[in-house]
Structures are given as structure tokens and as C-alpha cells.
Amino acid sequence: MKFWNSYKYTVIKNCTESVTEEYTNRYWGNVLFSNLILYLLPFSIIAIIPGVIFSFLTGFIMMGIIDCLILIFLIHLALYPGFSVETRKNLLILCCYFASAVLILMIGVRGPGLTYLVITTVIFVLIFPGKNAYLPSWVNTIIIAAMTGLILLGEFKWDYQEVPEAGHWIAVASNNIFLSFALSAFVPKIFLGIQNAIDNQLRLKSQLEEKERSLSLALAEVESKNQEIAEFAVIASHDLKEPLRTAVSLSELIIKKYSANLEQQIIKLLNLIISSARRGISLTEDLLDYSRIYRESGESTLIDTNKLVHEVVRHFKTTGESRDIQFTISDLPHVYGRENALHRMFYNLIGNSIKYARPDVRPEISISARDTGAAIEFSVSDNGIGIEKEHLGDIFRIFKRLHTREEIDGTGVGLAACKKIAEQHGGAIWAESQRGCGTVFYFTIAKKKE
């Protein structure tokens, strides 16, 4: 194996020229030539050694000597480093013609001489694709015509021939000429078809790579803009909350100190200012949470959603927002994701169910999950006031609210944030509901690919 690898390295190095453009006709011609020489030499040894022995045993001494010379020539052609690749190709063609001529002169139509002429044509059109494809056919024609002339003039014959030399020779040689021209015509067309197919494939690959680069640049730009928007939201929310808090504090201070001297209409207006300012603070905080979805990044980790949901429920019970709600939590699976984002997802959905509970019915909220194969599907269901079917497609749009602030407090950001979180986890979110019969929110988290 070591000897073969060393031999292969030497032959490939000697018989391959550097071509700047891969997959061109010249490139494939070099590949075919180097592989031809690589296997031709060992196969020639297998064929020539028995031929040499047979030649000496049967008295064809000159034939044996010529076989030895051809073998030595092929060894030098493959291993001697002093030749250019183009020279090696030309020498191989000359060697093939020399072997063909010797075999024709010594053996005639019984030997493989005419076959070697056809093989030479094949080798030529393979290692010189698209270059003078008909040249070997014309050379074959000249050789055969010369031999035919010698036979017809009686200057040459084979003693062992059992049929008239001229007729036999012309019958066999004419087929050789036909095959040579057929190969010269069709093999280059096959090469051209393959080359066109490769060129089309490379062109499509180049176009695809260019589109991928353009898409990557566009995505990078979008990501940069999203980051800028997220950073702006952080700054803006901070700057907005400060004057709103000041307005709340000053209004509360005025009511506290001067309520006895103020008219009820003024106190009512001050309370309206406080309420509006607090809604503004709540909205900026929700926008800040929404912007965090874009800014948060990192590797997904394995999350125990069972533990996560119980923590969210415990929070609502601790803050007194649960109002004697009956929670039903199924055995929830582990998923890969960002823990803070999924915590916000369950917090928003459970909080939504609490907010839209019916006042005359004890609230019931159920959280469950099922494996769909490619993803884990979670559901958060309640027996609240429900949603009209025609509005189910709108509730995930940011700032979209189905109730006034006087009816139910809110900012219209929570479900939009849930939609973005689901998409970032390779999933989706949707709802099923009927007015007065509660709502079921479904969302999926894609499984981690192994």
C-alpha cells in the first residue's frame, strides 16, 4: 500500500498540470490523462510480460524486444520528471501508434493492431477534448491506406493468411476507419454536453451563493436595525417613565396637601392624570419587555417547563392576583429554549387568562403539553369571557386590544411578545375560542435537532 501511494503521488504529480479554472475541458482532460497513466503502466506489465515470454518461445524475438521497449518507454513516461504534461500526452499517442504499426506489420488482421488504432483515437479525444478531434481518424486512414497500397502492389503480405490478403484487409480496415470517425464525432459531443451541464450547475451554484450572500447581508442589516430599535426602546422607555413618575408623584402630593382647598372637579382631573401616567408607565415597561425579546440571545438550554410553570403560578398566588383560581397543571416535559423568554410566555398567557376571567364564575386555568413529533405543543386554557372567532387572527398584533382600558386594563403588547417568542423557538402560536366559553392558547417549541 505504501508503494502504491508513493507511485500514485509521483504519477499524479508528473501527469497533472495546474489549471486555474476547474471543471473545464482542459481540467477533465488532465484528470483523465493522469488516471490513464496511473493504471496503464501496471496493466501493461500484466499484458506485456506473458507476451514477451510467448514471443521468445515461439520465435517472435523481435516482437518480444519491442514489447520490452514499449514497457520501458511507459515507465519513463509515467515516472521521469523531466517532461511537461503536454509532451507526455503527445508521447503517449506516438507510443500507441508505434505499437499499432508494429502489431499490424507483424501479425496483420489477426492481431490487435487495428484495435489499437481505435483505442488511440479514444485516448486522443479524451486527453485532448475539443482539440483536433478528427486528427487521429485521419492518421488512422493514412496508415490503413498505406498498408492497403502495399498489399495491392504486392509489396507486402502475411505468410499465414488463409484468405486473399487485400480483401480481408480492406473488409476489416474499413470498419476501423468508420469506428475512428464515429468516435471523433460523438465523443467530443458527449464531452460538450457534460461540460454544458457542469457549467450550468456551476452557474446556478454561483447565483445561489450570491443570493445567499445578499440574504446574509440583508439579515445582518435587519438584525442591526432590530438591535438599534431595541436599544432605542430601552433609552426611550427610561426617559419616558421618569417624567410620568414625576407627574404621578406631584399629582399625588397636590391631592394629599391641598385636597381640602381644591374643588372636586380639580381632584378628579388630578386622579385622571395619575391614572393616565400610570398607564403610560405600564406601556413603556411592556415595550421594554418586548424589546428585550430582540436583545436576548444565547444558546438554548434544557428547561424543566413543569418547574417553570409552577413558579409562574406561585408568583400570581403570592401577589394576590389569582383570586381563588383553580389551576390544573399536567406533567410538562423538558424542552430546549431560553428560560427567560419561556417564563415571559407562560407569565403573559396565564396573566391573560386571569385578566379576562368571568366575574360570576370561579376561574379555571389548565396548562398541558403533548409531543407532536417535530415539536412540543403547549396549551393554556381558561373558562373566561372568550373571544369572537373573527378577532382570533388580530389578537397577536402589537397594540391590538378588543376591550377599552375602562373595561379591562392592558397595553396590547403581551400576546405580540408571545408570538415573537414562539417564532424565535421555531414554533408558532394560535388561539381557539368562542365568546362566553373560554379560550385555549396553543404554542409550539421545536425540538432540538440531534
Protein backbone atom coordinates (compact mmCIF):
# COMPACT_ATOMS: atom_id res chain seq x y z
CA MET A 1 0.00 0.00 0.00
CA LYS A 2 2.86 2.38 0.81
CA PHE A 3 4.49 1.61 -2.55
CA TRP A 4 1.20 2.19 -4.39
CA ASN A 5 0.61 5.53 -2.62
CA SER A 6 4.14 6.67 -3.49
CA TYR A 7 3.69 5.55 -7.11
CA LYS A 8 0.28 7.25 -7.32
CA TYR A 9 1.65 10.51 -5.90
CA THR A 10 4.52 10.54 -8.43
CA VAL A 11 2.30 9.81 -11.44
CA ILE A 12 -0.36 12.37 -10.48
CA LYS A 13 2.33 14.98 -9.86
CA ASN A 14 4.09 14.32 -13.20
CA CYS A 15 0.94 13.99 -15.31
CA THR A 16 -1.21 16.83 -13.98
CA GLU A 17 -0.69 20.47 -14.83
CA SER A 18 -2.08 23.30 -12.75
CA VAL A 19 -5.27 24.64 -14.27
CA THR A 20 -6.68 27.82 -12.77
CA GLU A 21 -10.26 27.02 -13.78
CA GLU A 22 -11.62 23.74 -12.51
CA TYR A 23 -14.20 21.65 -14.36
CA THR A 24 -13.16 22.90 -17.81
CA ASN A 25 -12.42 20.60 -20.77
CA ARG A 26 -8.71 21.05 -20.15
CA TYR A 27 -9.14 20.19 -16.49
CA TRP A 28 -11.02 16.96 -17.26
CA GLY A 29 -8.50 16.09 -19.97
CA ASN A 30 -5.70 16.30 -17.40
CA VAL A 31 -7.65 14.24 -14.87
CA LEU A 32 -8.33 11.51 -17.43
CA PHE A 33 -4.72 11.52 -18.65
CA SER A 34 -3.20 11.22 -15.16
CA ASN A 35 -5.57 8.38 -14.25
CA LEU A 36 -4.95 6.68 -17.59
CA ILE A 37 -1.18 6.66 -16.99
CA LEU A 38 -1.71 5.64 -13.36
CA TYR A 39 -3.42 2.37 -14.33
CA LEU A 40 -1.95 1.86 -17.80
CA LEU A 41 1.53 1.02 -16.53
CA PRO A 42 0.56 -1.80 -14.11
CA PHE A 43 -1.96 -3.22 -16.61
CA SER A 44 0.68 -3.08 -19.37
CA ILE A 45 3.06 -5.10 -17.22
CA ILE A 46 0.35 -7.74 -16.78
CA ALA A 47 -0.19 -7.88 -20.56
CA ILE A 48 3.39 -7.46 -21.81
CA ILE A 49 5.26 -9.98 -19.62
CA PRO A 50 3.26 -13.02 -20.87
CA GLY A 51 3.55 -11.59 -24.41
CA VAL A 52 7.34 -11.34 -24.14
CA ILE A 53 7.63 -14.90 -22.84
CA PHE A 54 5.35 -16.21 -25.62
CA SER A 55 7.28 -14.23 -28.26
CA PHE A 56 10.61 -15.79 -27.29
CA LEU A 57 9.12 -19.29 -27.03
CA THR A 58 7.51 -19.09 -30.50
CA GLY A 59 10.40 -17.40 -32.26
CA PHE A 60 8.92 -13.87 -32.41
CA ILE A 61 12.06 -12.46 -30.81
CA MET A 62 11.70 -9.02 -32.40
CA MET A 63 8.14 -8.79 -31.05
CA GLY A 64 9.38 -9.55 -27.55
CA ILE A 65 12.12 -6.91 -27.83
CA ILE A 66 9.61 -4.29 -28.99
CA ASP A 67 7.27 -5.16 -26.10
CA CYS A 68 10.15 -4.61 -23.66
CA LEU A 69 10.99 -1.26 -25.28
CA ILE A 70 7.35 -0.13 -25.03
CA LEU A 71 7.26 -1.10 -21.34
CA ILE A 72 10.47 0.83 -20.63
CA PHE A 73 9.06 3.81 -22.54
CA LEU A 74 5.84 3.79 -20.47
CA ILE A 75 7.83 3.63 -17.22
CA HIS A 76 9.82 6.71 -18.25
CA LEU A 77 6.65 8.44 -19.45
CA ALA A 78 4.98 7.95 -16.06
CA LEU A 79 7.88 8.43 -13.64
CA TYR A 80 10.53 10.62 -15.30
CA PRO A 81 10.04 14.20 -14.05
CA GLY A 82 11.70 15.98 -16.98
CA PHE A 83 8.69 16.08 -19.36
CA SER A 84 5.85 18.58 -19.46
CA VAL A 85 2.30 17.24 -19.34
CA GLU A 86 1.68 18.24 -22.95
CA THR A 87 4.83 16.36 -24.03
CA ARG A 88 3.74 13.26 -22.10
CA LYS A 89 0.36 13.31 -23.84
CA ASN A 90 1.96 13.55 -27.29
CA LEU A 91 4.49 10.81 -26.46
CA LEU A 92 1.67 8.51 -25.31
CA ILE A 93 -0.16 8.99 -28.63
CA LEU A 94 3.08 8.30 -30.57
CA CYS A 95 3.69 5.18 -28.46
CA CYS A 96 0.17 3.92 -29.24
CA TYR A 97 0.69 4.47 -32.98
CA PHE A 98 4.09 2.76 -32.83
CA ALA A 99 2.59 -0.28 -31.07
CA SER A 100 -0.29 -0.37 -33.59
CA ALA A 101 2.07 -0.22 -36.58
CA VAL A 102 4.32 -2.98 -35.20
CA LEU A 103 1.36 -5.25 -34.49
CA ILE A 104 -0.12 -4.64 -37.97
CA LEU A 105 3.20 -5.31 -39.72
CA MET A 106 3.99 -8.46 -37.74
CA ILE A 107 0.58 -10.04 -37.17
CA GLY A 108 -1.85 -8.32 -39.54
CA VAL A 109 -5.60 -8.54 -39.14
CA ARG A 110 -5.30 -11.45 -36.72
CA GLY A 111 -3.50 -9.27 -34.19
CA PRO A 112 -4.76 -6.31 -32.15
CA GLY A 113 -3.03 -3.69 -34.34
CA LEU A 114 -6.22 -2.28 -35.86
CA THR A 115 -7.90 -2.35 -32.45
CA TYR A 116 -5.00 -0.28 -31.07
CA LEU A 117 -5.71 2.34 -33.75
CA VAL A 118 -9.28 2.68 -32.50
CA ILE A 119 -8.04 2.81 -28.90
CA THR A 120 -5.59 5.56 -29.89
CA THR A 121 -8.50 7.57 -31.28
CA VAL A 122 -10.39 7.19 -28.00
CA ILE A 123 -7.35 8.20 -25.93
CA PHE A 124 -6.72 11.24 -28.14
CA VAL A 125 -10.26 12.65 -27.91
CA LEU A 126 -10.27 12.04 -24.15
CA ILE A 127 -6.97 13.71 -23.24
CA PHE A 128 -7.30 16.46 -25.89
CA PRO A 129 -11.05 17.25 -25.59
CA GLY A 130 -12.29 19.72 -28.18
CA LYS A 131 -8.89 19.91 -29.88
CA ASN A 132 -8.47 18.48 -33.40
CA ALA A 133 -10.84 15.60 -32.66
CA TYR A 134 -10.65 14.25 -36.23
CA LEU A 135 -6.82 14.23 -36.37
CA PRO A 136 -6.38 10.60 -35.14
CA SER A 137 -9.08 9.42 -37.57
CA TRP A 138 -7.19 10.92 -40.50
CA VAL A 139 -3.92 9.44 -39.22
CA ASN A 140 -5.61 6.04 -38.97
CA THR A 141 -6.91 6.46 -42.52
CA ILE A 142 -3.42 7.31 -43.83
CA ILE A 143 -1.86 4.27 -42.08
CA ILE A 144 -4.56 1.93 -43.36
CA ALA A 145 -4.40 3.42 -46.88
CA ALA A 146 -0.61 2.99 -46.96
CA MET A 147 -0.88 -0.66 -45.88
CA THR A 148 -3.65 -1.22 -48.43
CA GLY A 149 -1.46 0.23 -51.18
CA LEU A 150 1.47 -2.03 -50.22
CA ILE A 151 -0.80 -5.08 -50.21
CA LEU A 152 -2.39 -4.23 -53.57
CA LEU A 153 1.05 -3.61 -55.14
CA GLY A 154 2.24 -6.96 -53.83
CA GLU A 155 4.95 -5.34 -51.75
CA PHE A 156 3.65 -6.81 -48.51
CA LYS A 157 1.83 -9.92 -47.34
CA TRP A 158 1.44 -12.19 -44.34
CA ASP A 159 2.53 -15.76 -44.94
CA TYR A 160 -0.05 -17.30 -42.62
CA GLN A 161 -3.04 -15.61 -44.24
CA GLU A 162 -5.62 -18.17 -45.37
CA VAL A 163 -7.78 -15.76 -47.44
CA PRO A 164 -6.74 -13.20 -50.03
CA GLU A 165 -4.83 -10.53 -48.13
CA ALA A 166 -6.30 -7.47 -49.88
CA GLY A 167 -9.95 -8.46 -49.50
CA HIS A 168 -9.58 -9.49 -45.90
CA TRP A 169 -7.58 -6.40 -45.04
CA ILE A 170 -9.95 -3.95 -46.71
CA ALA A 171 -13.03 -5.55 -45.08
CA VAL A 172 -11.56 -5.23 -41.58
CA ALA A 173 -9.72 -1.91 -42.05
CA SER A 174 -12.75 -0.08 -43.48
CA ASN A 175 -14.66 -0.83 -40.29
CA ASN A 176 -11.73 0.55 -38.33
CA ILE A 177 -11.92 3.83 -40.25
CA PHE A 178 -15.68 4.01 -39.68
CA LEU A 179 -15.26 3.50 -35.91
CA SER A 180 -12.47 6.08 -35.74
CA PHE A 181 -14.53 8.82 -37.38
CA ALA A 182 -17.62 7.88 -35.37
CA LEU A 183 -15.65 8.22 -32.13
CA SER A 184 -14.12 11.52 -33.28
CA ALA A 185 -17.62 12.83 -33.98
CA PHE A 186 -19.56 11.60 -30.96
CA VAL A 187 -17.13 11.58 -28.01
CA PRO A 188 -16.48 15.38 -28.19
CA LYS A 189 -20.25 15.95 -28.30
CA ILE A 190 -20.62 13.88 -25.15
CA PHE A 191 -17.85 15.93 -23.55
CA LEU A 192 -19.56 19.14 -24.67
CA GLY A 193 -22.88 18.03 -23.20
CA ILE A 194 -21.26 17.11 -19.90
CA GLN A 195 -19.34 20.39 -19.88
CA ASN A 196 -22.51 22.40 -20.55
CA ALA A 197 -24.28 20.56 -17.73
CA ILE A 198 -21.36 21.28 -15.37
CA ASP A 199 -21.24 24.92 -16.48
CA ASN A 200 -24.97 25.29 -15.82
CA GLN A 201 -24.59 23.68 -12.42
CA LEU A 202 -21.65 25.94 -11.54
CA ARG A 203 -23.56 28.99 -12.77
CA LEU A 204 -26.58 28.06 -10.67
CA LYS A 205 -24.31 27.41 -7.70
CA SER A 206 -22.67 30.81 -8.17
CA GLN A 207 -26.06 32.51 -8.41
CA LEU A 208 -27.25 30.68 -5.30
CA GLU A 209 -24.12 31.66 -3.37
CA GLU A 210 -24.57 35.28 -4.48
CA LYS A 211 -28.19 35.24 -3.33
CA GLU A 212 -27.14 33.66 -0.04
CA ARG A 213 -24.54 36.40 0.44
CA SER A 214 -27.13 39.07 -0.35
CA LEU A 215 -29.59 37.41 2.03
CA SER A 216 -26.95 37.19 4.77
CA LEU A 217 -26.14 40.88 4.33
CA ALA A 218 -29.83 41.77 4.40
CA LEU A 219 -30.39 39.65 7.52
CA ALA A 220 -27.36 41.22 9.18
CA GLU A 221 -28.71 44.67 8.36
CA VAL A 222 -32.15 43.77 9.69
CA GLU A 223 -30.55 42.36 12.84
CA SER A 224 -28.56 45.56 13.24
CA LYS A 225 -31.69 47.68 12.81
CA ASN A 226 -33.58 45.50 15.29
CA GLN A 227 -30.75 45.94 17.76
CA GLU A 228 -30.84 49.70 17.25
CA ILE A 229 -34.61 49.72 17.75
CA ALA A 230 -34.27 47.61 20.89
CA GLU A 231 -31.59 49.91 22.30
CA PHE A 232 -33.70 52.93 21.41
CA ALA A 233 -36.67 51.36 23.20
CA VAL A 234 -34.60 50.93 26.35
CA ILE A 235 -33.46 54.55 26.30
CA ALA A 236 -36.87 55.88 25.32
CA SER A 237 -38.70 53.87 27.98
CA HIS A 238 -36.32 55.11 30.66
CA ASP A 239 -36.66 58.72 29.52
CA LEU A 240 -40.44 58.42 29.23
CA LYS A 241 -41.01 56.81 32.61
CA GLU A 242 -39.14 59.49 34.53
CA PRO A 243 -41.46 62.44 33.69
CA LEU A 244 -44.51 60.18 34.04
CA ARG A 245 -43.42 59.15 37.54
CA THR A 246 -42.82 62.80 38.35
CA ALA A 247 -46.33 63.63 37.15
CA VAL A 248 -47.78 60.87 39.35
CA SER A 249 -45.77 61.95 42.39
CA LEU A 250 -46.64 65.66 42.01
CA SER A 251 -50.32 64.93 41.41
CA GLU A 252 -50.49 62.67 44.48
CA LEU A 253 -48.64 65.31 46.53
CA ILE A 254 -51.09 68.04 45.46
CA ILE A 255 -54.08 65.89 46.37
CA LYS A 256 -52.54 64.96 49.71
CA LYS A 257 -51.64 68.50 50.77
CA TYR A 258 -54.33 70.61 49.18
CA SER A 259 -57.35 68.34 48.76
CA ALA A 260 -59.29 70.33 51.38
CA ASN A 261 -58.91 73.52 49.36
CA LEU A 262 -59.44 72.00 45.90
CA GLU A 263 -62.67 71.62 44.03
CA GLN A 264 -63.83 68.08 43.36
CA GLN A 265 -63.51 68.64 39.61
CA ILE A 266 -59.81 69.50 40.01
CA ILE A 267 -59.22 66.43 42.20
CA LYS A 268 -60.96 64.32 39.57
CA LEU A 269 -58.68 65.74 36.88
CA LEU A 270 -55.61 65.07 39.01
CA ASN A 271 -56.70 61.46 39.52
CA LEU A 272 -57.16 61.20 35.76
CA ILE A 273 -53.60 62.48 35.30
CA ILE A 274 -52.34 59.88 37.77
CA SER A 275 -54.25 57.08 36.04
CA SER A 276 -53.06 58.10 32.57
CA ALA A 277 -49.46 58.48 33.71
CA ARG A 278 -49.51 55.05 35.32
CA ARG A 279 -50.88 53.56 32.10
CA GLY A 280 -48.04 55.29 30.27
CA ILE A 281 -45.53 53.76 32.69
CA SER A 282 -47.12 50.34 32.23
CA LEU A 283 -46.98 50.72 28.44
CA THR A 284 -43.31 51.73 28.43
CA GLU A 285 -42.48 48.79 30.69
CA ASP A 286 -44.30 46.42 28.33
CA LEU A 287 -42.48 47.93 25.35
CA LEU A 288 -39.22 47.46 27.19
CA ASP A 289 -40.09 43.79 27.77
CA TYR A 290 -40.98 43.45 24.08
CA SER A 291 -37.64 44.95 23.03
CA ARG A 292 -35.79 42.51 25.28
CA ILE A 293 -37.02 39.67 23.08
CA TYR A 294 -34.83 41.05 20.27
CA ARG A 295 -31.86 41.76 22.53
CA GLU A 296 -31.80 38.48 24.41
CA SER A 297 -29.63 35.82 22.82
CA GLY A 298 -27.57 32.82 23.77
CA GLU A 299 -27.59 29.08 23.49
CA SER A 300 -30.74 27.18 24.26
CA THR A 301 -30.66 25.15 27.44
CA LEU A 302 -32.73 22.24 28.68
CA ILE A 303 -35.65 23.70 30.63
CA ASP A 304 -37.97 21.96 33.07
CA THR A 305 -41.25 23.59 31.99
CA ASN A 306 -43.09 21.83 34.83
CA LYS A 307 -40.95 23.71 37.36
CA LEU A 308 -41.16 26.91 35.32
CA VAL A 309 -44.98 26.95 35.18
CA HIS A 310 -45.29 26.25 38.91
CA GLU A 311 -43.00 29.24 39.59
CA VAL A 312 -45.23 31.48 37.46
CA VAL A 313 -48.40 30.24 39.21
CA ARG A 314 -46.73 30.72 42.61
CA HIS A 315 -45.98 34.33 41.66
CA PHE A 316 -49.63 35.07 40.86
CA LYS A 317 -50.75 33.44 44.11
CA THR A 318 -48.18 35.39 46.11
CA THR A 319 -49.22 38.74 44.62
CA GLY A 320 -52.89 38.01 45.24
CA GLU A 321 -53.81 38.12 41.56
CA SER A 322 -55.01 34.51 41.42
CA ARG A 323 -58.31 35.19 43.29
CA ASP A 324 -59.09 31.62 44.26
CA ILE A 325 -58.35 30.33 40.78
CA GLN A 326 -58.34 26.58 40.20
CA PHE A 327 -55.10 25.68 38.40
CA THR A 328 -54.69 22.31 36.69
CA ILE A 329 -51.12 21.63 35.61
CA SER A 330 -50.37 18.42 33.74
CA ASP A 331 -46.99 16.72 33.76
CA LEU A 332 -44.99 19.02 31.46
CA PRO A 333 -41.87 17.96 29.54
CA HIS A 334 -38.34 19.32 29.31
CA VAL A 335 -37.65 21.46 26.23
CA TYR A 336 -34.68 23.29 24.79
CA GLY A 337 -35.09 27.06 24.80
CA ARG A 338 -34.28 30.36 26.50
CA GLU A 339 -35.61 30.22 30.05
CA ASN A 340 -36.34 33.94 30.48
CA ALA A 341 -38.30 34.04 27.22
CA LEU A 342 -40.41 30.97 28.06
CA HIS A 343 -41.01 32.34 31.56
CA ARG A 344 -42.39 35.51 29.95
CA MET A 345 -44.50 33.40 27.57
CA PHE A 346 -46.26 31.49 30.38
CA TYR A 347 -46.50 34.64 32.52
CA ASN A 348 -48.28 36.54 29.74
CA LEU A 349 -50.66 33.71 28.82
CA ILE A 350 -51.62 32.84 32.41
CA GLY A 351 -51.91 36.54 33.25
CA ASN A 352 -54.15 36.98 30.22
CA SER A 353 -56.44 34.16 31.44
CA ILE A 354 -56.65 35.77 34.88
CA LYS A 355 -57.36 39.23 33.44
CA TYR A 356 -60.19 38.02 31.18
CA ALA A 357 -61.91 35.76 33.74
CA ARG A 358 -65.69 35.94 34.10
CA PRO A 359 -66.71 37.67 37.33
CA ASP A 360 -69.61 35.30 38.04
CA VAL A 361 -67.67 32.02 37.61
CA ARG A 362 -64.73 30.62 39.54
CA PRO A 363 -61.77 30.87 37.15
CA GLU A 364 -60.25 27.62 35.94
CA ILE A 365 -56.90 27.57 34.13
CA SER A 366 -55.31 24.41 32.72
CA ILE A 367 -51.77 24.04 31.37
CA SER A 368 -50.81 20.91 29.42
CA ALA A 369 -48.47 19.72 26.66
CA ARG A 370 -48.19 16.99 24.04
CA ASP A 371 -45.49 15.70 21.71
CA THR A 372 -46.34 16.26 18.02
CA GLY A 373 -43.16 14.63 16.70
CA ALA A 374 -41.18 17.62 15.46
CA ALA A 375 -42.22 19.90 18.33
CA ILE A 376 -43.78 20.12 21.79
CA GLU A 377 -47.23 21.72 21.75
CA PHE A 378 -48.29 23.55 24.94
CA SER A 379 -51.81 24.74 25.71
CA VAL A 380 -53.12 27.25 28.25
CA SER A 381 -56.92 27.09 28.55
CA ASP A 382 -59.42 29.00 30.67
CA ASN A 383 -63.16 29.41 31.17
CA GLY A 384 -63.09 33.18 30.77
CA ILE A 385 -65.10 35.58 28.65
CA GLY A 386 -63.71 34.20 25.38
CA ILE A 387 -63.01 35.88 22.04
CA GLU A 388 -65.13 36.20 18.92
CA LYS A 389 -63.78 33.97 16.15
CA GLU A 390 -63.40 36.88 13.72
CA HIS A 391 -60.90 38.52 16.10
CA LEU A 392 -58.67 35.48 16.71
CA GLY A 393 -56.27 36.49 13.94
CA ASP A 394 -55.82 40.03 15.28
CA ILE A 395 -55.03 39.46 18.94
CA PHE A 396 -51.32 38.79 18.33
CA ARG A 397 -50.75 42.17 16.64
CA ILE A 398 -48.94 44.67 18.84
CA PHE A 399 -51.20 47.30 20.49
CA LYS A 400 -54.31 45.43 19.26
CA ARG A 401 -56.93 45.36 22.03
CA LEU A 402 -60.52 44.09 21.91
CA HIS A 403 -61.62 45.96 25.04
CA THR A 404 -61.27 49.54 26.24
CA ARG A 405 -59.00 50.38 29.16
CA GLU A 406 -62.07 51.25 31.20
CA GLU A 407 -63.38 47.70 30.71
CA ILE A 408 -60.14 45.74 31.15
CA ASP A 409 -56.72 47.23 31.78
CA GLY A 410 -53.90 46.37 29.37
CA THR A 411 -51.48 47.62 26.73
CA GLY A 412 -51.85 45.18 23.81
CA VAL A 413 -48.20 44.10 23.94
CA GLY A 414 -48.28 40.80 25.85
CA LEU A 415 -49.65 38.49 23.13
CA ALA A 416 -47.45 40.14 20.47
CA ALA A 417 -44.46 39.30 22.67
CA CYS A 418 -45.70 35.69 22.94
CA LYS A 419 -45.88 35.44 19.14
CA LYS A 420 -42.29 36.66 18.77
CA ILE A 421 -41.03 34.25 21.45
CA ALA A 422 -42.74 31.28 19.78
CA GLU A 423 -41.23 32.20 16.40
CA GLN A 424 -37.75 32.54 17.91
CA HIS A 425 -38.11 29.00 19.25
CA GLY A 426 -39.01 27.60 15.84
CA GLY A 427 -42.71 27.37 16.63
CA ALA A 428 -45.99 29.23 16.32
CA ILE A 429 -48.88 30.42 18.49
CA TRP A 430 -52.63 30.46 17.88
CA ALA A 431 -55.89 30.50 19.79
CA GLU A 432 -59.26 28.77 19.74
CA SER A 433 -62.19 30.43 21.43
CA GLN A 434 -65.87 31.23 21.45
CA ARG A 435 -67.48 34.19 23.10
CA GLY A 436 -68.51 33.29 26.67
CA CYS A 437 -66.92 29.82 26.54
CA GLY A 438 -63.30 30.50 27.39
CA THR A 439 -60.12 30.48 25.33
CA VAL A 440 -57.36 27.98 24.59
CA PHE A 441 -53.93 29.31 23.59
CA TYR A 442 -51.62 26.87 21.81
CA PHE A 443 -47.94 27.37 21.09
CA THR A 444 -45.20 25.05 19.88
CA ILE A 445 -41.49 24.77 20.69
CA ALA A 446 -39.38 22.98 18.09
CA LYS A 447 -37.35 20.02 19.32
CA LYS A 448 -33.59 20.32 19.28
CA LYS A 449 -32.11 18.60 16.22
CA GLU A 450 -29.65 15.86 17.05
